[in-house]
């Protein structure tokens, strides 16, 4: 009888803290994380989301920062609304960055959640005006038209990102995109060494913008060629699982951010 009582008590304890139990999910997980031997004692936390502008339909354009180092890096979670393969990366990047030893002291990482929230909501390449925001920048190769804008920066989303770049003066810009039936790392400006570094860590082939497709008025043309700021365009294969995209490029992204 005594053995039965002891066994019953032990089983009831297991049930109370079983991983599928909702109470465990709320209470036990933080304690497990807190004693993780591999976790740093203190990790930098991202700042709260800050609105830097609004889309045509009034959706906020939001940024947050993590770290306080002298190297400034800008991550853009997407600019074409139907290319969302990098969205999970945007969500997971702050925590991955925070886990890198010394990252916060080396780099200030600014994350723009989405440069085209109206396009994302509608699953369209362009914004609510039908303009491709990646063709609306004051580069030397800008071409006016209904799909590119009547003049550079006539779309509020493009203007907000333009102002952000000028205010931040980043040492590196990385933009998430996707490409039909292929994946690679594309670059503009003085970024060949960073593109090659990215390729080594991910297996994504290197392509220079001016060698495979015309990009009039693109962010890369303005940032990379006119401002001479290194910019990497991360092209995932269209339709890929966002988690697989993150796992395939996580090390490469952190490597170019930290130049390590």
C-alpha atoms as a PDB file:
ATOM      1  CA  UNK A   1       0.000   0.000   0.000  1.00  0.00           C
ATOM      2  CA  UNK A   2       2.846   2.391   0.841  1.00  0.00           C
ATOM      3  CA  UNK A   3       4.443   1.687  -2.565  1.00  0.00           C
ATOM      4  CA  UNK A   4       1.160   2.504  -4.319  1.00  0.00           C
ATOM      5  CA  UNK A   5       0.926   5.869  -2.516  1.00  0.00           C
ATOM      6  CA  UNK A   6       4.504   6.795  -3.436  1.00  0.00           C
ATOM      7  CA  UNK A   7       3.979   5.790  -7.066  1.00  0.00           C
ATOM      8  CA  UNK A   8       0.744   7.772  -7.263  1.00  0.00           C
ATOM      9  CA  UNK A   9       2.488  10.889  -5.903  1.00  0.00           C
ATOM     10  CA  UNK A  10       5.339  10.543  -8.407  1.00  0.00           C
ATOM     11  CA  UNK A  11       2.944  10.128 -11.366  1.00  0.00           C
ATOM     12  CA  UNK A  12       0.869  13.114 -10.318  1.00  0.00           C
ATOM     13  CA  UNK A  13       4.061  15.198 -10.263  1.00  0.00           C
ATOM     14  CA  UNK A  14       4.939  14.105 -13.805  1.00  0.00           C
ATOM     15  CA  UNK A  15       1.490  14.965 -15.096  1.00  0.00           C
ATOM     16  CA  UNK A  16       1.583  18.407 -13.513  1.00  0.00           C
ATOM     17  CA  UNK A  17       4.791  19.330 -15.335  1.00  0.00           C
ATOM     18  CA  UNK A  18       4.426  17.380 -18.570  1.00  0.00           C
ATOM     19  CA  UNK A  19       5.659  19.432 -21.568  1.00  0.00           C
ATOM     20  CA  UNK A  20       2.213  19.297 -23.139  1.00  0.00           C
ATOM     21  CA  UNK A  21       0.566  20.786 -20.084  1.00  0.00           C
ATOM     22  CA  UNK A  22      -0.386  24.450 -20.612  1.00  0.00           C
ATOM     23  CA  UNK A  23       0.654  25.395 -17.088  1.00  0.00           C
ATOM     24  CA  UNK A  24       4.154  24.070 -17.814  1.00  0.00           C
ATOM     25  CA  UNK A  25       4.250  26.048 -21.039  1.00  0.00           C
ATOM     26  CA  UNK A  26       3.515  29.270 -19.136  1.00  0.00           C
ATOM     27  CA  UNK A  27       5.683  28.733 -16.073  1.00  0.00           C
ATOM     28  CA  UNK A  28       8.410  26.131 -16.577  1.00  0.00           C
ATOM     29  CA  UNK A  29       9.913  27.302 -19.870  1.00  0.00           C
ATOM     30  CA  UNK A  30      11.383  30.562 -18.509  1.00  0.00           C
ATOM     31  CA  UNK A  31      13.162  28.692 -15.713  1.00  0.00           C
ATOM     32  CA  UNK A  32      14.667  26.257 -18.221  1.00  0.00           C
ATOM     33  CA  UNK A  33      15.922  29.147 -20.355  1.00  0.00           C
ATOM     34  CA  UNK A  34      17.286  30.943 -17.308  1.00  0.00           C
ATOM     35  CA  UNK A  35      19.614  28.053 -16.411  1.00  0.00           C
ATOM     36  CA  UNK A  36      20.742  27.286 -19.954  1.00  0.00           C
ATOM     37  CA  UNK A  37      24.501  26.942 -19.614  1.00  0.00           C
ATOM     38  CA  UNK A  38      25.084  28.108 -23.174  1.00  0.00           C
ATOM     39  CA  UNK A  39      23.114  31.333 -22.784  1.00  0.00           C
ATOM     40  CA  UNK A  40      24.972  34.573 -21.992  1.00  0.00           C
ATOM     41  CA  UNK A  41      24.254  36.026 -18.587  1.00  0.00           C
ATOM     42  CA  UNK A  42      22.974  39.255 -20.131  1.00  0.00           C
ATOM     43  CA  UNK A  43      21.766  39.717 -23.687  1.00  0.00           C
ATOM     44  CA  UNK A  44      21.027  43.002 -25.397  1.00  0.00           C
ATOM     45  CA  UNK A  45      17.360  43.575 -26.039  1.00  0.00           C
ATOM     46  CA  UNK A  46      15.921  45.284 -29.110  1.00  0.00           C
ATOM     47  CA  UNK A  47      14.469  48.733 -28.609  1.00  0.00           C
ATOM     48  CA  UNK A  48      10.678  49.043 -28.929  1.00  0.00           C
ATOM     49  CA  UNK A  49       9.303  49.415 -32.450  1.00  0.00           C
ATOM     50  CA  UNK A  50       9.542  52.971 -33.731  1.00  0.00           C
ATOM     51  CA  UNK A  51       7.390  54.272 -36.611  1.00  0.00           C
ATOM     52  CA  UNK A  52       9.379  56.157 -39.250  1.00  0.00           C
ATOM     53  CA  UNK A  53       6.552  56.727 -41.747  1.00  0.00           C
ATOM     54  CA  UNK A  54       3.355  55.333 -43.206  1.00  0.00           C
ATOM     55  CA  UNK A  55       2.372  53.468 -46.344  1.00  0.00           C
ATOM     56  CA  UNK A  56      -0.112  54.746 -48.923  1.00  0.00           C
ATOM     57  CA  UNK A  57      -2.909  53.032 -46.996  1.00  0.00           C
ATOM     58  CA  UNK A  58      -1.662  54.219 -43.616  1.00  0.00           C
ATOM     59  CA  UNK A  59       0.169  51.142 -42.364  1.00  0.00           C
ATOM     60  CA  UNK A  60       3.193  51.926 -40.174  1.00  0.00           C
ATOM     61  CA  UNK A  61       6.760  51.514 -41.370  1.00  0.00           C
ATOM     62  CA  UNK A  62       8.546  50.283 -38.252  1.00  0.00           C
ATOM     63  CA  UNK A  63      12.150  49.931 -37.160  1.00  0.00           C
ATOM     64  CA  UNK A  64      13.887  48.653 -34.062  1.00  0.00           C
ATOM     65  CA  UNK A  65      17.527  48.648 -33.032  1.00  0.00           C
ATOM     66  CA  UNK A  66      19.721  46.221 -31.159  1.00  0.00           C
ATOM     67  CA  UNK A  67      23.294  46.799 -30.062  1.00  0.00           C
ATOM     68  CA  UNK A  68      25.271  50.002 -29.657  1.00  0.00           C
ATOM     69  CA  UNK A  69      28.493  49.390 -31.560  1.00  0.00           C
ATOM     70  CA  UNK A  70      30.199  51.726 -34.044  1.00  0.00           C
ATOM     71  CA  UNK A  71      29.497  49.524 -37.091  1.00  0.00           C
ATOM     72  CA  UNK A  72      26.024  50.365 -38.415  1.00  0.00           C
ATOM     73  CA  UNK A  73      24.040  47.742 -40.354  1.00  0.00           C
ATOM     74  CA  UNK A  74      20.536  48.112 -41.784  1.00  0.00           C
ATOM     75  CA  UNK A  75      18.413  45.004 -42.395  1.00  0.00           C
ATOM     76  CA  UNK A  76      15.303  45.455 -44.586  1.00  0.00           C
ATOM     77  CA  UNK A  77      12.764  42.663 -44.173  1.00  0.00           C
ATOM     78  CA  UNK A  78      11.249  43.075 -47.631  1.00  0.00           C
ATOM     79  CA  UNK A  79      10.408  45.617 -50.321  1.00  0.00           C
ATOM     80  CA  UNK A  80       8.249  43.517 -52.673  1.00  0.00           C
ATOM     81  CA  UNK A  81       5.009  42.410 -51.057  1.00  0.00           C
ATOM     82  CA  UNK A  82       4.909  39.025 -52.783  1.00  0.00           C
ATOM     83  CA  UNK A  83       8.435  38.086 -51.673  1.00  0.00           C
ATOM     84  CA  UNK A  84       8.020  37.132 -48.032  1.00  0.00           C
ATOM     85  CA  UNK A  85      10.463  34.249 -47.757  1.00  0.00           C
ATOM     86  CA  UNK A  86      12.686  36.402 -45.525  1.00  0.00           C
ATOM     87  CA  UNK A  87       9.956  37.398 -43.062  1.00  0.00           C
ATOM     88  CA  UNK A  88      10.896  34.714 -40.540  1.00  0.00           C
ATOM     89  CA  UNK A  89      14.512  35.858 -40.707  1.00  0.00           C
ATOM     90  CA  UNK A  90      13.413  39.383 -39.805  1.00  0.00           C
ATOM     91  CA  UNK A  91      11.630  37.966 -36.777  1.00  0.00           C
ATOM     92  CA  UNK A  92      14.476  35.751 -35.588  1.00  0.00           C
ATOM     93  CA  UNK A  93      17.457  37.931 -36.384  1.00  0.00           C
ATOM     94  CA  UNK A  94      17.421  40.048 -33.177  1.00  0.00           C
ATOM     95  CA  UNK A  95      17.694  37.016 -30.887  1.00  0.00           C
ATOM     96  CA  UNK A  96      20.367  35.379 -33.051  1.00  0.00           C
ATOM     97  CA  UNK A  97      22.358  38.617 -33.094  1.00  0.00           C
ATOM     98  CA  UNK A  98      22.026  38.995 -29.321  1.00  0.00           C
ATOM     99  CA  UNK A  99      23.471  35.512 -28.775  1.00  0.00           C
ATOM    100  CA  UNK A 100      26.681  36.370 -30.651  1.00  0.00           C
ATOM    101  CA  UNK A 101      29.425  37.206 -28.116  1.00  0.00           C
ATOM    102  CA  UNK A 102      30.425  40.846 -28.339  1.00  0.00           C
ATOM    103  CA  UNK A 103      27.969  41.645 -31.152  1.00  0.00           C
ATOM    104  CA  UNK A 104      26.215  44.446 -29.292  1.00  0.00           C
ATOM    105  CA  UNK A 105      29.523  46.160 -28.616  1.00  0.00           C
ATOM    106  CA  UNK A 106      30.627  45.892 -32.248  1.00  0.00           C
ATOM    107  CA  UNK A 107      27.440  46.681 -34.192  1.00  0.00           C
ATOM    108  CA  UNK A 108      24.284  48.752 -34.073  1.00  0.00           C
ATOM    109  CA  UNK A 109      21.780  46.684 -36.035  1.00  0.00           C
ATOM    110  CA  UNK A 110      18.698  48.530 -37.312  1.00  0.00           C
ATOM    111  CA  UNK A 111      15.845  46.350 -38.563  1.00  0.00           C
ATOM    112  CA  UNK A 112      13.165  47.709 -40.887  1.00  0.00           C
ATOM    113  CA  UNK A 113      10.313  45.266 -40.513  1.00  0.00           C
ATOM    114  CA  UNK A 114       8.778  45.709 -43.985  1.00  0.00           C
ATOM    115  CA  UNK A 115       9.288  48.490 -46.534  1.00  0.00           C
ATOM    116  CA  UNK A 116       6.015  47.654 -48.322  1.00  0.00           C
ATOM    117  CA  UNK A 117       3.302  46.637 -45.839  1.00  0.00           C
ATOM    118  CA  UNK A 118       0.448  47.411 -48.277  1.00  0.00           C
ATOM    119  CA  UNK A 119       1.985  45.105 -50.868  1.00  0.00           C
ATOM    120  CA  UNK A 120       2.455  42.424 -48.229  1.00  0.00           C
ATOM    121  CA  UNK A 121      -1.200  42.688 -47.213  1.00  0.00           C
ATOM    122  CA  UNK A 122      -2.298  42.366 -50.851  1.00  0.00           C
ATOM    123  CA  UNK A 123       0.430  39.882 -51.884  1.00  0.00           C
ATOM    124  CA  UNK A 124       1.536  42.182 -54.709  1.00  0.00           C
ATOM    125  CA  UNK A 125       4.979  43.228 -55.864  1.00  0.00           C
ATOM    126  CA  UNK A 126       4.162  46.939 -55.813  1.00  0.00           C
ATOM    127  CA  UNK A 127       2.555  49.170 -53.232  1.00  0.00           C
ATOM    128  CA  UNK A 128      -1.090  50.248 -53.103  1.00  0.00           C
ATOM    129  CA  UNK A 129      -0.457  52.610 -56.037  1.00  0.00           C
ATOM    130  CA  UNK A 130       0.929  49.768 -58.133  1.00  0.00           C
ATOM    131  CA  UNK A 131       4.447  51.214 -58.000  1.00  0.00           C
ATOM    132  CA  UNK A 132       7.466  48.956 -57.648  1.00  0.00           C
ATOM    133  CA  UNK A 133       9.164  50.581 -54.660  1.00  0.00           C
ATOM    134  CA  UNK A 134      12.476  49.082 -55.706  1.00  0.00           C
ATOM    135  CA  UNK A 135      12.404  51.323 -58.792  1.00  0.00           C
ATOM    136  CA  UNK A 136      11.533  54.614 -57.075  1.00  0.00           C
ATOM    137  CA  UNK A 137      14.939  55.825 -55.862  1.00  0.00           C
ATOM    138  CA  UNK A 138      17.012  58.797 -57.119  1.00  0.00           C
ATOM    139  CA  UNK A 139      19.645  56.714 -58.869  1.00  0.00           C
ATOM    140  CA  UNK A 140      21.250  57.832 -62.126  1.00  0.00           C
ATOM    141  CA  UNK A 141      19.335  55.091 -63.953  1.00  0.00           C
ATOM    142  CA  UNK A 142      15.827  56.058 -62.728  1.00  0.00           C
ATOM    143  CA  UNK A 143      13.149  55.709 -65.427  1.00  0.00           C
ATOM    144  CA  UNK A 144       9.774  57.460 -64.851  1.00  0.00           C
ATOM    145  CA  UNK A 145       6.567  55.591 -65.565  1.00  0.00           C
ATOM    146  CA  UNK A 146       3.345  54.247 -64.045  1.00  0.00           C
ATOM    147  CA  UNK A 147       5.090  51.256 -62.499  1.00  0.00           C
ATOM    148  CA  UNK A 148       8.205  53.101 -61.329  1.00  0.00           C
ATOM    149  CA  UNK A 149       6.727  56.436 -60.225  1.00  0.00           C
ATOM    150  CA  UNK A 150       6.485  59.790 -61.959  1.00  0.00           C
ATOM    151  CA  UNK A 151       9.634  60.951 -60.223  1.00  0.00           C
ATOM    152  CA  UNK A 152      12.006  59.515 -57.585  1.00  0.00           C
ATOM    153  CA  UNK A 153      10.604  59.217 -54.057  1.00  0.00           C
ATOM    154  CA  UNK A 154       7.041  60.109 -55.025  1.00  0.00           C
ATOM    155  CA  UNK A 155       5.904  57.094 -52.966  1.00  0.00           C
ATOM    156  CA  UNK A 156       5.808  57.561 -49.170  1.00  0.00           C
ATOM    157  CA  UNK A 157       7.393  54.185 -48.431  1.00  0.00           C
ATOM    158  CA  UNK A 158      10.403  54.931 -50.649  1.00  0.00           C
ATOM    159  CA  UNK A 159      10.815  58.376 -49.098  1.00  0.00           C
ATOM    160  CA  UNK A 160      10.744  56.962 -45.559  1.00  0.00           C
ATOM    161  CA  UNK A 161      13.474  54.435 -46.358  1.00  0.00           C
ATOM    162  CA  UNK A 162      15.482  57.119 -48.185  1.00  0.00           C
ATOM    163  CA  UNK A 163      15.378  59.317 -45.072  1.00  0.00           C
ATOM    164  CA  UNK A 164      16.338  56.372 -42.869  1.00  0.00           C
ATOM    165  CA  UNK A 165      19.410  55.555 -44.960  1.00  0.00           C
ATOM    166  CA  UNK A 166      20.581  59.166 -44.932  1.00  0.00           C
ATOM    167  CA  UNK A 167      20.037  59.424 -41.178  1.00  0.00           C
ATOM    168  CA  UNK A 168      21.754  56.132 -40.352  1.00  0.00           C
ATOM    169  CA  UNK A 169      24.556  56.246 -42.945  1.00  0.00           C
ATOM    170  CA  UNK A 170      24.990  52.483 -42.536  1.00  0.00           C
ATOM    171  CA  UNK A 171      28.197  50.639 -43.310  1.00  0.00           C
ATOM    172  CA  UNK A 172      26.106  47.825 -44.827  1.00  0.00           C
ATOM    173  CA  UNK A 173      22.536  47.377 -46.055  1.00  0.00           C
ATOM    174  CA  UNK A 174      20.960  43.918 -46.488  1.00  0.00           C
ATOM    175  CA  UNK A 175      17.579  43.486 -48.223  1.00  0.00           C
ATOM    176  CA  UNK A 176      15.462  40.312 -48.315  1.00  0.00           C
ATOM    177  CA  UNK A 177      13.983  39.344 -51.707  1.00  0.00           C
ATOM    178  CA  UNK A 178      13.144  36.173 -53.625  1.00  0.00           C
ATOM    179  CA  UNK A 179      13.706  34.983 -57.195  1.00  0.00           C
ATOM    180  CA  UNK A 180      11.895  32.516 -59.419  1.00  0.00           C
ATOM    181  CA  UNK A 181      13.606  29.104 -59.618  1.00  0.00           C
ATOM    182  CA  UNK A 182      16.912  30.228 -58.113  1.00  0.00           C
ATOM    183  CA  UNK A 183      18.655  31.584 -55.038  1.00  0.00           C
ATOM    184  CA  UNK A 184      21.781  33.740 -54.814  1.00  0.00           C
ATOM    185  CA  UNK A 185      23.376  36.760 -53.167  1.00  0.00           C
ATOM    186  CA  UNK A 186      23.275  39.914 -55.266  1.00  0.00           C
ATOM    187  CA  UNK A 187      25.349  43.019 -54.552  1.00  0.00           C
ATOM    188  CA  UNK A 188      25.793  46.657 -55.524  1.00  0.00           C
ATOM    189  CA  UNK A 189      28.572  49.084 -54.723  1.00  0.00           C
ATOM    190  CA  UNK A 190      31.738  48.124 -52.836  1.00  0.00           C
ATOM    191  CA  UNK A 191      30.301  44.856 -51.511  1.00  0.00           C
ATOM    192  CA  UNK A 192      32.016  42.073 -53.480  1.00  0.00           C
ATOM    193  CA  UNK A 193      34.046  40.897 -50.489  1.00  0.00           C
ATOM    194  CA  UNK A 194      30.928  40.762 -48.314  1.00  0.00           C
ATOM    195  CA  UNK A 195      28.978  38.919 -51.018  1.00  0.00           C
ATOM    196  CA  UNK A 196      31.763  36.355 -51.281  1.00  0.00           C
ATOM    197  CA  UNK A 197      31.834  35.990 -47.499  1.00  0.00           C
ATOM    198  CA  UNK A 198      28.057  35.440 -47.545  1.00  0.00           C
ATOM    199  CA  UNK A 199      28.449  32.848 -50.287  1.00  0.00           C
ATOM    200  CA  UNK A 200      31.073  30.886 -48.350  1.00  0.00           C
ATOM    201  CA  UNK A 201      28.777  30.556 -45.338  1.00  0.00           C
ATOM    202  CA  UNK A 202      25.571  29.788 -47.247  1.00  0.00           C
ATOM    203  CA  UNK A 203      26.385  28.249 -50.626  1.00  0.00           C
ATOM    204  CA  UNK A 204      24.384  31.005 -52.362  1.00  0.00           C
ATOM    205  CA  UNK A 205      26.138  32.009 -55.594  1.00  0.00           C
ATOM    206  CA  UNK A 206      27.300  35.612 -56.075  1.00  0.00           C
ATOM    207  CA  UNK A 207      25.731  37.862 -58.733  1.00  0.00           C
ATOM    208  CA  UNK A 208      26.465  41.524 -59.403  1.00  0.00           C
ATOM    209  CA  UNK A 209      23.324  43.548 -60.171  1.00  0.00           C
ATOM    210  CA  UNK A 210      24.595  44.952 -63.445  1.00  0.00           C
ATOM    211  CA  UNK A 211      25.320  41.496 -64.885  1.00  0.00           C
ATOM    212  CA  UNK A 212      21.957  39.751 -64.887  1.00  0.00           C
ATOM    213  CA  UNK A 213      18.971  42.144 -64.984  1.00  0.00           C
ATOM    214  CA  UNK A 214      18.252  45.865 -65.460  1.00  0.00           C
ATOM    215  CA  UNK A 215      17.338  47.591 -62.187  1.00  0.00           C
ATOM    216  CA  UNK A 216      16.481  51.234 -62.981  1.00  0.00           C
ATOM    217  CA  UNK A 217      15.905  53.373 -59.898  1.00  0.00           C
ATOM    218  CA  UNK A 218      16.538  50.462 -57.545  1.00  0.00           C
ATOM    219  CA  UNK A 219      17.559  50.773 -53.923  1.00  0.00           C
ATOM    220  CA  UNK A 220      20.780  48.997 -54.825  1.00  0.00           C
ATOM    221  CA  UNK A 221      21.537  51.447 -57.626  1.00  0.00           C
ATOM    222  CA  UNK A 222      21.053  54.414 -55.307  1.00  0.00           C
ATOM    223  CA  UNK A 223      22.678  53.027 -52.143  1.00  0.00           C
ATOM    224  CA  UNK A 224      25.443  51.000 -53.752  1.00  0.00           C
ATOM    225  CA  UNK A 225      26.396  52.983 -56.840  1.00  0.00           C
ATOM    226  CA  UNK A 226      25.487  56.551 -55.943  1.00  0.00           C
ATOM    227  CA  UNK A 227      26.189  56.587 -52.199  1.00  0.00           C
ATOM    228  CA  UNK A 228      28.894  53.916 -52.415  1.00  0.00           C
ATOM    229  CA  UNK A 229      27.487  52.044 -49.425  1.00  0.00           C
ATOM    230  CA  UNK A 230      27.821  48.254 -49.658  1.00  0.00           C
ATOM    231  CA  UNK A 231      24.403  46.641 -50.194  1.00  0.00           C
ATOM    232  CA  UNK A 232      23.531  42.951 -50.399  1.00  0.00           C
ATOM    233  CA  UNK A 233      20.285  41.711 -51.919  1.00  0.00           C
ATOM    234  CA  UNK A 234      19.450  38.286 -50.539  1.00  0.00           C
ATOM    235  CA  UNK A 235      17.482  36.356 -53.162  1.00  0.00           C
ATOM    236  CA  UNK A 236      15.799  33.253 -51.767  1.00  0.00           C
ATOM    237  CA  UNK A 237      14.089  30.865 -54.150  1.00  0.00           C
ATOM    238  CA  UNK A 238      10.469  31.957 -54.557  1.00  0.00           C
ATOM    239  CA  UNK A 239       8.065  29.765 -52.627  1.00  0.00           C
ATOM    240  CA  UNK A 240      10.727  28.304 -50.310  1.00  0.00           C
ATOM    241  CA  UNK A 241       9.932  27.469 -46.712  1.00  0.00           C
ATOM    242  CA  UNK A 242      10.888  30.594 -44.686  1.00  0.00           C
ATOM    243  CA  UNK A 243      12.358  28.424 -41.929  1.00  0.00           C
ATOM    244  CA  UNK A 244      14.651  26.665 -44.391  1.00  0.00           C
ATOM    245  CA  UNK A 245      15.681  30.048 -45.789  1.00  0.00           C
ATOM    246  CA  UNK A 246      16.607  31.225 -42.299  1.00  0.00           C
ATOM    247  CA  UNK A 247      18.540  28.076 -41.426  1.00  0.00           C
ATOM    248  CA  UNK A 248      20.416  28.153 -44.739  1.00  0.00           C
ATOM    249  CA  UNK A 249      21.512  31.783 -44.385  1.00  0.00           C
ATOM    250  CA  UNK A 250      21.622  32.474 -40.643  1.00  0.00           C
ATOM    251  CA  UNK A 251      25.382  32.016 -40.308  1.00  0.00           C
ATOM    252  CA  UNK A 252      26.048  34.000 -43.490  1.00  0.00           C
ATOM    253  CA  UNK A 253      23.877  36.934 -42.381  1.00  0.00           C
ATOM    254  CA  UNK A 254      25.564  37.150 -38.985  1.00  0.00           C
ATOM    255  CA  UNK A 255      28.970  36.846 -40.634  1.00  0.00           C
ATOM    256  CA  UNK A 256      28.491  39.868 -42.899  1.00  0.00           C
ATOM    257  CA  UNK A 257      26.842  41.881 -40.135  1.00  0.00           C
ATOM    258  CA  UNK A 258      29.801  41.279 -37.846  1.00  0.00           C
ATOM    259  CA  UNK A 259      32.399  40.987 -40.634  1.00  0.00           C
ATOM    260  CA  UNK A 260      33.569  37.837 -38.858  1.00  0.00           C
END
